C-alpha atoms as a PDB file:
ATOM      1  CA  GLY A   1      18.377 -15.265 -16.700  1.00  0.00           C
ATOM      2  CA  GLY A   2      20.324 -14.068 -13.675  1.00  0.00           C
ATOM      3  CA  MET A   3      22.968 -11.417 -13.773  1.00  0.00           C
ATOM      4  CA  ALA A   4      25.425 -13.380 -15.818  1.00  0.00           C
ATOM      5  CA  ALA A   5      24.375 -13.098 -19.441  1.00  0.00           C
ATOM      6  CA  ALA A   6      24.042 -16.526 -20.976  1.00  0.00           C
ATOM      7  CA  ALA A   7      26.257 -15.516 -23.879  1.00  0.00           C
ATOM      8  CA  ALA A   8      29.189 -14.685 -21.645  1.00  0.00           C
ATOM      9  CA  VAL A   9      31.775 -17.319 -20.956  1.00  0.00           C
ATOM     10  CA  LEU A  10      31.892 -17.430 -17.209  1.00  0.00           C
ATOM     11  CA  LEU A  11      34.626 -18.569 -14.977  1.00  0.00           C
ATOM     12  CA  LEU A  12      33.115 -19.603 -11.682  1.00  0.00           C
ATOM     13  CA  LEU A  13      35.040 -19.410  -8.449  1.00  0.00           C
ATOM     14  CA  LEU A  14      33.174 -21.184  -5.687  1.00  0.00           C
ATOM     15  CA  LEU A  15      33.764 -19.964  -2.179  1.00  0.00           C
ATOM     16  CA  ALA A  16      34.454 -22.482   0.551  1.00  0.00           C
ATOM     17  CA  ALA A  17      31.401 -23.847   2.314  1.00  0.00           C
ATOM     18  CA  ALA A  18      29.085 -22.332  -0.248  1.00  0.00           C
ATOM     19  CA  GLY A  19      27.599 -25.544  -1.592  1.00  0.00           C
ATOM     20  CA  PRO A  20      24.225 -26.639  -0.240  1.00  0.00           C
ATOM     21  CA  GLY A  21      25.700 -29.710   1.531  1.00  0.00           C
ATOM     22  CA  PRO A  22      23.488 -32.740   2.171  1.00  0.00           C
ATOM     23  CA  GLY A  23      21.791 -31.254   5.222  1.00  0.00           C
ATOM     24  CA  ARG A  24      21.692 -27.757   3.733  1.00  0.00           C
ATOM     25  CA  ALA A  25      18.891 -28.319   1.199  1.00  0.00           C
ATOM     26  CA  ASP A  26      16.577 -29.937   3.757  1.00  0.00           C
ATOM     27  CA  ALA A  27      17.224 -27.140   6.202  1.00  0.00           C
ATOM     28  CA  GLU A  28      16.386 -24.643   3.481  1.00  0.00           C
ATOM     29  CA  ARG A  29      13.061 -26.329   2.711  1.00  0.00           C
ATOM     30  CA  GLU A  30      12.305 -26.538   6.399  1.00  0.00           C
ATOM     31  CA  ARG A  31      13.028 -22.863   7.004  1.00  0.00           C
ATOM     32  CA  ARG A  32      11.243 -21.567   3.937  1.00  0.00           C
ATOM     33  CA  ASP A  33      13.698 -18.762   3.372  1.00  0.00           C
ATOM     34  CA  ALA A  34      17.030 -18.632   1.566  1.00  0.00           C
ATOM     35  CA  LEU A  35      19.805 -16.199   0.735  1.00  0.00           C
ATOM     36  CA  ARG A  36      22.012 -16.442  -2.347  1.00  0.00           C
ATOM     37  CA  GLU A  37      24.815 -14.028  -3.035  1.00  0.00           C
ATOM     38  CA  GLU A  38      26.878 -13.493  -6.137  1.00  0.00           C
ATOM     39  CA  LEU A  39      29.444 -11.134  -7.574  1.00  0.00           C
ATOM     40  CA  LEU A  40      30.024 -10.720 -11.301  1.00  0.00           C
ATOM     41  CA  LEU A  41      33.320  -9.113 -12.364  1.00  0.00           C
ATOM     42  CA  SER A  42      33.306  -7.817 -15.942  1.00  0.00           C
ATOM     43  CA  PRO A  43      36.419  -6.335 -17.492  1.00  0.00           C
ATOM     44  CA  LEU A  44      35.182  -3.575 -19.832  1.00  0.00           C
ATOM     45  CA  PRO A  45      36.624  -2.752 -23.280  1.00  0.00           C
ATOM     46  CA  THR A  46      38.033   0.520 -21.895  1.00  0.00           C
ATOM     47  CA  GLY A  47      40.216  -1.314 -19.369  1.00  0.00           C
ATOM     48  CA  ASP A  48      37.845  -0.482 -16.502  1.00  0.00           C
ATOM     49  CA  VAL A  49      36.241  -3.242 -14.462  1.00  0.00           C
ATOM     50  CA  ALA A  50      32.569  -3.447 -13.486  1.00  0.00           C
ATOM     51  CA  ALA A  51      31.650  -5.312 -10.311  1.00  0.00           C
ATOM     52  CA  THR A  52      28.001  -6.237  -9.754  1.00  0.00           C
ATOM     53  CA  PHE A  53      26.892  -7.687  -6.439  1.00  0.00           C
ATOM     54  CA  GLN A  54      23.541  -9.380  -6.028  1.00  0.00           C
ATOM     55  CA  PHE A  55      22.091 -10.565  -2.724  1.00  0.00           C
ATOM     56  CA  ARG A  56      18.821 -12.407  -3.260  1.00  0.00           C
ATOM     57  CA  THR A  57      16.604 -13.327  -0.329  1.00  0.00           C
ATOM     58  CA  ARG A  58      13.572 -15.451  -1.078  1.00  0.00           C
ATOM     59  CA  TRP A  59      10.871 -16.063   1.517  1.00  0.00           C
ATOM     60  CA  ASP A  60       7.975 -18.491   1.251  1.00  0.00           C
ATOM     61  CA  ALA A  61       5.609 -16.369   3.318  1.00  0.00           C
ATOM     62  CA  ASP A  62       2.589 -14.234   2.569  1.00  0.00           C
ATOM     63  CA  LEU A  63       3.633 -10.764   3.670  1.00  0.00           C
ATOM     64  CA  GLN A  64       0.276  -9.293   2.700  1.00  0.00           C
ATOM     65  CA  ARG A  65      -1.837 -11.113   5.211  1.00  0.00           C
ATOM     66  CA  GLY A  66       0.116  -9.570   8.052  1.00  0.00           C
ATOM     67  CA  ALA A  67       0.393 -13.042   9.576  1.00  0.00           C
ATOM     68  CA  VAL A  68       4.187 -12.893   9.630  1.00  0.00           C
ATOM     69  CA  SER A  69       5.808 -12.450  12.997  1.00  0.00           C
ATOM     70  CA  HIS A  70       9.152 -14.205  12.727  1.00  0.00           C
ATOM     71  CA  TYR A  71      11.657 -12.515  10.454  1.00  0.00           C
ATOM     72  CA  ARG A  72      14.933 -14.323   9.884  1.00  0.00           C
ATOM     73  CA  LEU A  73      16.593 -13.324   6.600  1.00  0.00           C
ATOM     74  CA  PHE A  74      14.088 -10.864   5.128  1.00  0.00           C
ATOM     75  CA  PRO A  75      14.609  -7.424   6.723  1.00  0.00           C
ATOM     76  CA  LYS A  76      11.773  -6.592   9.082  1.00  0.00           C
ATOM     77  CA  ALA A  77      11.738  -2.889   8.110  1.00  0.00           C
ATOM     78  CA  LEU A  78      10.976  -3.751   4.484  1.00  0.00           C
ATOM     79  CA  GLY A  79       8.620  -6.640   5.228  1.00  0.00           C
ATOM     80  CA  ARG A  80       6.462  -4.467   7.491  1.00  0.00           C
ATOM     81  CA  LEU A  81       6.411  -1.722   4.889  1.00  0.00           C
ATOM     82  CA  VAL A  82       5.138  -4.122   2.227  1.00  0.00           C
ATOM     83  CA  ALA A  83       2.433  -5.428   4.554  1.00  0.00           C
ATOM     84  CA  ALA A  84       1.315  -2.099   6.021  1.00  0.00           C
ATOM     85  CA  LEU A  85       1.117  -0.104   2.798  1.00  0.00           C
ATOM     86  CA  GLY A  86      -0.149  -2.783   0.413  1.00  0.00           C
ATOM     87  CA  VAL A  87       2.980  -2.828  -1.749  1.00  0.00           C
ATOM     88  CA  ARG A  88       2.902  -5.294  -4.616  1.00  0.00           C
ATOM     89  CA  GLU A  89       6.323  -4.503  -6.022  1.00  0.00           C
ATOM     90  CA  LEU A  90       9.019  -1.961  -5.175  1.00  0.00           C
ATOM     91  CA  HIS A  91      12.146  -0.749  -6.998  1.00  0.00           C
ATOM     92  CA  LEU A  92      14.510   1.816  -5.538  1.00  0.00           C
ATOM     93  CA  ALA A  93      17.869   2.781  -7.077  1.00  0.00           C
ATOM     94  CA  LEU A  94      20.435   5.329  -5.903  1.00  0.00           C
ATOM     95  CA  THR A  95      22.997   6.084  -8.582  1.00  0.00           C
ATOM     96  CA  GLN A  96      26.052   8.290  -8.901  1.00  0.00           C
ATOM     97  CA  GLY A  97      27.723   8.942 -12.259  1.00  0.00           C
ATOM     98  CA  PHE A  98      26.592   7.777 -15.685  1.00  0.00           C
ATOM     99  CA  TRP A  99      26.891   4.359 -17.270  1.00  0.00           C
ATOM    100  CA  ARG A 100      28.829   4.919 -20.516  1.00  0.00           C
ATOM    101  CA  THR A 101      26.848   2.555 -22.749  1.00  0.00           C
ATOM    102  CA  ARG A 102      28.827   3.573 -25.809  1.00  0.00           C
ATOM    103  CA  TYR A 103      32.066   2.297 -24.320  1.00  0.00           C
ATOM    104  CA  TRP A 104      30.911  -0.251 -21.758  1.00  0.00           C
ATOM    105  CA  GLY A 105      27.988  -1.953 -23.466  1.00  0.00           C
ATOM    106  CA  GLN A 106      24.655  -2.549 -21.729  1.00  0.00           C
ATOM    107  CA  PRO A 107      24.511  -1.896 -17.972  1.00  0.00           C
ATOM    108  CA  PRO A 108      23.684  -4.852 -15.685  1.00  0.00           C
ATOM    109  CA  LEU A 109      20.691  -2.837 -14.413  1.00  0.00           C
ATOM    110  CA  GLN A 110      19.299   0.346 -15.902  1.00  0.00           C
ATOM    111  CA  ALA A 111      19.042   3.350 -13.586  1.00  0.00           C
ATOM    112  CA  PRO A 112      19.248   7.124 -14.099  1.00  0.00           C
ATOM    113  CA  ALA A 113      21.557   9.327 -12.006  1.00  0.00           C
ATOM    114  CA  GLY A 114      20.125  10.333  -8.637  1.00  0.00           C
ATOM    115  CA  ALA A 115      17.285   8.525  -6.878  1.00  0.00           C
ATOM    116  CA  GLU A 116      14.686   6.485  -8.773  1.00  0.00           C
ATOM    117  CA  LEU A 117      11.665   4.900  -7.108  1.00  0.00           C
ATOM    118  CA  TRP A 118       8.802   3.003  -8.654  1.00  0.00           C
ATOM    119  CA  VAL A 119       6.118   1.025  -6.894  1.00  0.00           C
ATOM    120  CA  TRP A 120       3.074  -1.036  -7.795  1.00  0.00           C
ATOM    121  CA  PHE A 121       0.416  -1.137  -5.072  1.00  0.00           C
ATOM    122  CA  GLN A 122      -2.123  -3.883  -4.389  1.00  0.00           C
ATOM    123  CA  PRO A 123      -5.639  -3.424  -5.832  1.00  0.00           C
ATOM    124  CA  THR A 124      -6.865  -3.299  -2.213  1.00  0.00           C
ATOM    125  CA  VAL A 125      -5.162   0.087  -1.650  1.00  0.00           C
ATOM    126  CA  THR A 126      -7.894   2.707  -1.827  1.00  0.00           C
ATOM    127  CA  ASP A 127      -5.784   5.898  -1.701  1.00  0.00           C
ATOM    128  CA  VAL A 128      -2.680   5.175  -3.779  1.00  0.00           C
ATOM    129  CA  ASP A 129      -1.344   8.739  -3.546  1.00  0.00           C
ATOM    130  CA  LYS A 130      -1.493   8.657   0.233  1.00  0.00           C
ATOM    131  CA  ALA A 131       0.261   5.259   0.373  1.00  0.00           C
ATOM    132  CA  TRP A 132       2.909   6.522  -2.079  1.00  0.00           C
ATOM    133  CA  LYS A 133       3.613   9.601   0.053  1.00  0.00           C
ATOM    134  CA  GLU A 134       3.834   7.521   3.214  1.00  0.00           C
ATOM    135  CA  LEU A 135       6.072   4.970   1.518  1.00  0.00           C
ATOM    136  CA  SER A 136       8.537   7.558   0.208  1.00  0.00           C
ATOM    137  CA  ASN A 137       8.739   9.116   3.677  1.00  0.00           C
ATOM    138  CA  ILE A 138       9.506   5.776   5.351  1.00  0.00           C
ATOM    139  CA  LEU A 139      12.073   4.792   2.701  1.00  0.00           C
ATOM    140  CA  SER A 140      13.645   8.206   3.126  1.00  0.00           C
ATOM    141  CA  GLY A 141      14.218   7.355   6.785  1.00  0.00           C
ATOM    142  CA  ILE A 142      15.508   3.844   6.124  1.00  0.00           C
ATOM    143  CA  PHE A 143      18.032   4.858   3.441  1.00  0.00           C
ATOM    144  CA  CYS A 144      18.950   8.367   4.667  1.00  0.00           C
ATOM    145  CA  ALA A 145      17.910   9.717   1.265  1.00  0.00           C
ATOM    146  CA  SER A 146      15.729  12.725   0.503  1.00  0.00           C
ATOM    147  CA  LEU A 147      12.889  10.622  -0.943  1.00  0.00           C
ATOM    148  CA  ASN A 148      10.546  12.658   1.250  1.00  0.00           C
ATOM    149  CA  PHE A 149      10.834  15.321  -1.489  1.00  0.00           C
ATOM    150  CA  ILE A 150       8.802  13.101  -3.780  1.00  0.00           C
ATOM    151  CA  ASP A 151       5.413  14.778  -4.294  1.00  0.00           C
ATOM    152  CA  SER A 152       2.791  15.363  -6.962  1.00  0.00           C
ATOM    153  CA  THR A 153       5.117  17.666  -8.941  1.00  0.00           C
ATOM    154  CA  ASN A 154       7.740  14.985  -9.588  1.00  0.00           C
ATOM    155  CA  THR A 155       5.596  11.829  -9.532  1.00  0.00           C
ATOM    156  CA  VAL A 156       4.294  10.299 -12.741  1.00  0.00           C
ATOM    157  CA  ILE A 157       1.886   7.468 -13.467  1.00  0.00           C
ATOM    158  CA  PRO A 158       3.570   5.805 -16.445  1.00  0.00           C
ATOM    159  CA  THR A 159       1.464   3.751 -18.799  1.00  0.00           C
ATOM    160  CA  ALA A 160       2.416   1.299 -21.504  1.00  0.00           C
ATOM    161  CA  SER A 161       6.175   1.262 -20.986  1.00  0.00           C
ATOM    162  CA  PHE A 162       5.978  -0.149 -17.466  1.00  0.00           C
ATOM    163  CA  LYS A 163       5.221  -3.766 -16.691  1.00  0.00           C
ATOM    164  CA  PRO A 164       5.457  -5.426 -13.297  1.00  0.00           C
ATOM    165  CA  LEU A 165       8.604  -7.543 -12.981  1.00  0.00           C
ATOM    166  CA  GLY A 166       6.952  -9.871 -10.491  1.00  0.00           C
ATOM    167  CA  LEU A 167       3.687 -11.799 -10.607  1.00  0.00           C
ATOM    168  CA  ALA A 168       0.769  -9.621 -11.455  1.00  0.00           C
ATOM    169  CA  ASN A 169      -2.874 -10.284 -12.082  1.00  0.00           C
ATOM    170  CA  GLY A 170      -3.385  -7.548 -14.652  1.00  0.00           C
ATOM    171  CA  THR A 171      -1.452  -4.305 -14.981  1.00  0.00           C
ATOM    172  CA  ASP A 172      -3.619  -1.503 -13.694  1.00  0.00           C
ATOM    173  CA  HIS A 173      -1.443   1.576 -14.073  1.00  0.00           C
ATOM    174  CA  HIS A 174      -3.526   3.494 -11.527  1.00  0.00           C
ATOM    175  CA  LEU A 175      -1.704   1.355  -8.968  1.00  0.00           C
ATOM    176  CA  LEU A 176       1.737   2.418 -10.240  1.00  0.00           C
ATOM    177  CA  ARG A 177       3.791   5.431  -9.150  1.00  0.00           C
ATOM    178  CA  TYR A 178       7.189   6.525 -10.464  1.00  0.00           C
ATOM    179  CA  ALA A 179       9.568   9.320  -9.457  1.00  0.00           C
ATOM    180  CA  VAL A 180      13.141  10.415 -10.100  1.00  0.00           C
ATOM    181  CA  LEU A 181      15.128  12.903  -8.036  1.00  0.00           C
ATOM    182  CA  PRO A 182      18.050  13.611 -10.388  1.00  0.00           C
ATOM    183  CA  ARG A 183      19.841  15.873  -7.905  1.00  0.00           C
ATOM    184  CA  GLU A 184      20.005  13.290  -5.127  1.00  0.00           C
ATOM    185  CA  VAL A 185      23.673  12.905  -4.151  1.00  0.00           C
ATOM    186  CA  VAL A 186      24.508   9.299  -3.321  1.00  0.00           C
ATOM    187  CA  CYS A 187      27.029   8.810  -0.531  1.00  0.00           C
ATOM    188  CA  THR A 188      28.196   6.622   2.340  1.00  0.00           C
ATOM    189  CA  GLU A 189      25.099   7.535   4.380  1.00  0.00           C
ATOM    190  CA  ASN A 190      22.974   5.635   1.830  1.00  0.00           C
ATOM    191  CA  LEU A 191      25.273   2.623   1.611  1.00  0.00           C
ATOM    192  CA  THR A 192      25.454   1.929   5.347  1.00  0.00           C
ATOM    193  CA  PRO A 193      21.703   1.257   5.819  1.00  0.00           C
ATOM    194  CA  TRP A 194      21.630  -0.744   2.561  1.00  0.00           C
ATOM    195  CA  LYS A 195      24.379  -3.022   3.946  1.00  0.00           C
ATOM    196  CA  LYS A 196      22.569  -3.320   7.294  1.00  0.00           C
ATOM    197  CA  LEU A 197      19.618  -4.944   5.516  1.00  0.00           C
ATOM    198  CA  LEU A 198      21.818  -7.875   4.455  1.00  0.00           C
ATOM    199  CA  PRO A 199      21.436 -10.959   6.670  1.00  0.00           C
ATOM    200  CA  CYS A 200      25.171 -10.975   7.508  1.00  0.00           C
ATOM    201  CA  GLY A 201      25.532  -7.202   7.316  1.00  0.00           C
ATOM    202  CA  SER A 202      28.974  -6.423   5.908  1.00  0.00           C
ATOM    203  CA  LYS A 203      30.832  -8.683   8.341  1.00  0.00           C
ATOM    204  CA  ALA A 204      30.909 -11.889   6.274  1.00  0.00           C
ATOM    205  CA  GLY A 205      30.377 -13.217   2.769  1.00  0.00           C
ATOM    206  CA  LEU A 206      30.716 -11.070  -0.348  1.00  0.00           C
ATOM    207  CA  ALA A 207      29.614  -7.945   1.522  1.00  0.00           C
ATOM    208  CA  VAL A 208      32.988  -7.690   3.293  1.00  0.00           C
ATOM    209  CA  LEU A 209      34.214  -6.158   0.018  1.00  0.00           C
ATOM    210  CA  LEU A 210      31.770  -3.267   0.294  1.00  0.00           C
ATOM    211  CA  LYS A 211      34.023  -0.673   1.846  1.00  0.00           C
ATOM    212  CA  ALA A 212      32.545   2.752   1.285  1.00  0.00           C
ATOM    213  CA  GLU A 213      35.737   4.690   0.625  1.00  0.00           C
ATOM    214  CA  ARG A 214      36.612   2.364  -2.264  1.00  0.00           C
ATOM    215  CA  LEU A 215      33.127   2.259  -3.749  1.00  0.00           C
ATOM    216  CA  PHE A 216      32.648   5.993  -3.934  1.00  0.00           C
ATOM    217  CA  HIS A 217      36.029   6.626  -5.566  1.00  0.00           C
ATOM    218  CA  SER A 218      34.660   5.066  -8.708  1.00  0.00           C
ATOM    219  CA  SER A 219      33.306   6.493 -11.934  1.00  0.00           C
ATOM    220  CA  TYR A 220      29.913   4.816 -11.506  1.00  0.00           C
ATOM    221  CA  HIS A 221      28.067   3.547  -8.461  1.00  0.00           C
ATOM    222  CA  SER A 222      24.496   2.252  -8.357  1.00  0.00           C
ATOM    223  CA  GLN A 223      22.795   0.510  -5.452  1.00  0.00           C
ATOM    224  CA  ALA A 224      19.266  -0.815  -5.602  1.00  0.00           C
ATOM    225  CA  VAL A 225      16.552  -2.673  -3.734  1.00  0.00           C
ATOM    226  CA  HIS A 226      13.941  -4.713  -5.611  1.00  0.00           C
ATOM    227  CA  ILE A 227      10.996  -6.439  -3.923  1.00  0.00           C
ATOM    228  CA  ARG A 228       8.501  -8.526  -5.857  1.00  0.00           C
ATOM    229  CA  PRO A 229       6.178 -11.531  -5.484  1.00  0.00           C
ATOM    230  CA  ILE A 230       7.196 -14.668  -7.393  1.00  0.00           C
ATOM    231  CA  CYS A 231       5.730 -18.162  -7.864  1.00  0.00           C
ATOM    232  CA  ARG A 232       6.661 -20.486  -5.010  1.00  0.00           C
ATOM    233  CA  ASP A 233       6.941 -23.468  -7.352  1.00  0.00           C
ATOM    234  CA  ALA A 234       5.920 -24.625 -10.824  1.00  0.00           C
ATOM    235  CA  SER A 235       2.223 -24.857  -9.895  1.00  0.00           C
ATOM    236  CA  CYS A 236       2.277 -21.193  -8.822  1.00  0.00           C
ATOM    237  CA  LEU A 237      -0.563 -21.780  -6.372  1.00  0.00           C
ATOM    238  CA  ALA A 238       1.310 -19.912  -3.650  1.00  0.00           C
ATOM    239  CA  LEU A 239       3.456 -16.776  -3.575  1.00  0.00           C
ATOM    240  CA  SER A 240       6.949 -16.228  -2.307  1.00  0.00           C
ATOM    241  CA  TRP A 241       8.568 -12.839  -1.828  1.00  0.00           C
ATOM    242  CA  GLU A 242      11.906 -11.981  -3.351  1.00  0.00           C
ATOM    243  CA  LEU A 243      14.204  -9.193  -2.215  1.00  0.00           C
ATOM    244  CA  ARG A 244      17.171  -8.445  -4.457  1.00  0.00           C
ATOM    245  CA  GLN A 245      19.794  -6.017  -3.271  1.00  0.00           C
ATOM    246  CA  THR A 246      22.137  -5.126  -6.112  1.00  0.00           C
ATOM    247  CA  LEU A 247      25.166  -2.899  -6.311  1.00  0.00           C
ATOM    248  CA  THR A 248      27.154  -2.085  -9.432  1.00  0.00           C
ATOM    249  CA  VAL A 249      30.401  -0.169  -9.339  1.00  0.00           C
ATOM    250  CA  VAL A 250      32.903   0.609 -12.109  1.00  0.00           C
ATOM    251  CA  PHE A 251      36.571   0.945 -11.200  1.00  0.00           C
ATOM    252  CA  ASP A 252      38.957   2.874 -13.435  1.00  0.00           C
ATOM    253  CA  PHE A 253      41.767   0.500 -14.139  1.00  0.00           C
ATOM    254  CA  PHE A 254      44.559  -0.819 -14.276  1.00  0.00           C
ATOM    255  CA  SER A 255      47.179  -1.291 -16.861  1.00  0.00           C
ATOM    256  CA  SER A 256      50.633  -2.280 -15.775  1.00  0.00           C
ATOM    257  CA  GLY A 257      53.627  -0.904 -17.652  1.00  0.00           C
ATOM    258  CA  GLN A 258      53.387  -3.464 -20.459  1.00  0.00           C
ATOM    259  CA  GLY A 259      49.743  -2.594 -21.083  1.00  0.00           C
ATOM    260  CA  LYS A 260      48.758  -5.855 -19.414  1.00  0.00           C
ATOM    261  CA  LYS A 261      45.460  -5.628 -17.570  1.00  0.00           C
ATOM    262  CA  ASP A 262      46.219  -6.213 -13.966  1.00  0.00           C
ATOM    263  CA  TRP A 263      43.494  -6.322 -11.369  1.00  0.00           C
ATOM    264  CA  SER A 264      42.488  -8.271  -8.297  1.00  0.00           C
ATOM    265  CA  LEU A 265      39.801  -8.198  -5.638  1.00  0.00           C
ATOM    266  CA  PHE A 266      42.307  -6.643  -3.285  1.00  0.00           C
ATOM    267  CA  LYS A 267      43.251  -3.902  -5.743  1.00  0.00           C
ATOM    268  CA  MET A 268      39.621  -3.046  -6.277  1.00  0.00           C
ATOM    269  CA  PHE A 269      38.208  -3.282  -2.785  1.00  0.00           C
ATOM    270  CA  SER A 270      41.318  -3.017  -0.535  1.00  0.00           C
ATOM    271  CA  ARG A 271      40.302  -6.326   1.014  1.00  0.00           C
ATOM    272  CA  THR A 272      39.778  -9.947   0.135  1.00  0.00           C
ATOM    273  CA  LEU A 273      37.074 -12.491   0.921  1.00  0.00           C
ATOM    274  CA  THR A 274      37.530 -13.958   4.372  1.00  0.00           C
ATOM    275  CA  ASP A 275      34.562 -15.481   6.210  1.00  0.00           C
ATOM    276  CA  THR A 276      31.599 -16.967   4.413  1.00  0.00           C
ATOM    277  CA  CYS A 277      28.173 -15.729   5.467  1.00  0.00           C
ATOM    278  CA  PRO A 278      26.737 -18.735   7.326  1.00  0.00           C
ATOM    279  CA  LEU A 279      23.193 -17.650   6.409  1.00  0.00           C
ATOM    280  CA  ALA A 280      23.847 -17.865   2.651  1.00  0.00           C
ATOM    281  CA  SER A 281      22.983 -21.135   0.937  1.00  0.00           C
ATOM    282  CA  GLN A 282      25.010 -20.034  -2.078  1.00  0.00           C
ATOM    283  CA  SER A 283      27.926 -17.659  -2.531  1.00  0.00           C
ATOM    284  CA  LYS A 284      29.574 -17.308  -5.951  1.00  0.00           C
ATOM    285  CA  VAL A 285      32.023 -15.083  -7.755  1.00  0.00           C
ATOM    286  CA  TYR A 286      31.878 -15.009 -11.553  1.00  0.00           C
ATOM    287  CA  VAL A 287      34.465 -13.513 -13.858  1.00  0.00           C
ATOM    288  CA  ASP A 288      33.278 -12.634 -17.350  1.00  0.00           C
ATOM    289  CA  ILE A 289      35.988 -13.761 -19.772  1.00  0.00           C
ATOM    290  CA  SER A 290      33.972 -13.411 -22.978  1.00  0.00           C
ATOM    291  CA  PRO A 291      35.882 -12.113 -26.039  1.00  0.00           C
ATOM    292  CA  LYS A 292      34.473  -8.561 -26.046  1.00  0.00           C
ATOM    293  CA  ASN A 293      36.764  -7.721 -23.156  1.00  0.00           C
ATOM    294  CA  LYS A 294      40.033  -8.831 -24.672  1.00  0.00           C
END
C-alpha cells in the first residue's frame, strides 16, 4: 500500500535525523501518537512532474468517548469535530485543474475539480442531516472554503459504490453524506489553514516546500484531509485514529536545450529542504524512476 505503488522502482532519499533512533521508538510507544511525512516525485510521460506530499498522524486514543483532553500532534480543531458530531470517517478534497489521466496515468488520489466532501457518521447520530449541515459549516470556517453552501440540493446519499476506507462495522448508507461544489475556486486562503494543521506547520520538514505562489502556478493542485479509524494492532481490539493530509501538484516542466529532463526541488518549489520536523518519526522523499517515465 502507501502512496508509492509497489510496481514502481523507488529511489529513496532519507532526510537527516529521520530514522527512529534507539530512543525514538520507545518514545513513540510511550506517547501513543506519531507523525510520518513523505513526498513522492513522479516524472510524467509528458515531461511534467507530479509531487505528492503525505503527512500521516496516527493517534492511539478514542476520540469518540470525548475523554481526550491533551492534543499533541492531532489537530484539536479536527479532533473536537470528530468527537462532537459523531464522525466515523471524513474525506475533504479541494482541487484546481484536471488530472489528465490519458497522458499522466492514474492519479495518486482521485478527486473532482472544486470541493468534494464525504462523511460517514456513527450509528449513534440520530439526525444525520443536522450533523452534516453543522459539519460543513465548521469545515467551511476551518478551511476558508464555501462548504457552507452544501445543502439538500447538492448532497447525495450514495449507495453501493461507496465503502468506508477505515474500520466499519457494517456499511449503513443512511450514515453517509456526499457533496461536490464544482465551482469552488481553490486558492492560497485554503492552503494556509491546511498547513497550520500540520504539527510543524510549514516551518520545518517537508512542508517548507509548500510555498503558495509556486503551488498555484501549476496545472493541477489537489489538497485533501482524510480522517478514519484504524486497528491499533493486529488483534484490532482497540481503535486508533488516522489523519492523512495529502497534497498533489503537477509542475509543467522542464526540458533543457538538449531535450534532457532537468528538474530539482529548488526549481519546483523555489526552496530546498532545510530543518527536519522534530515531531516527525519518519520523513522520506521518494523519486519514481520506473520505466514508464523514461
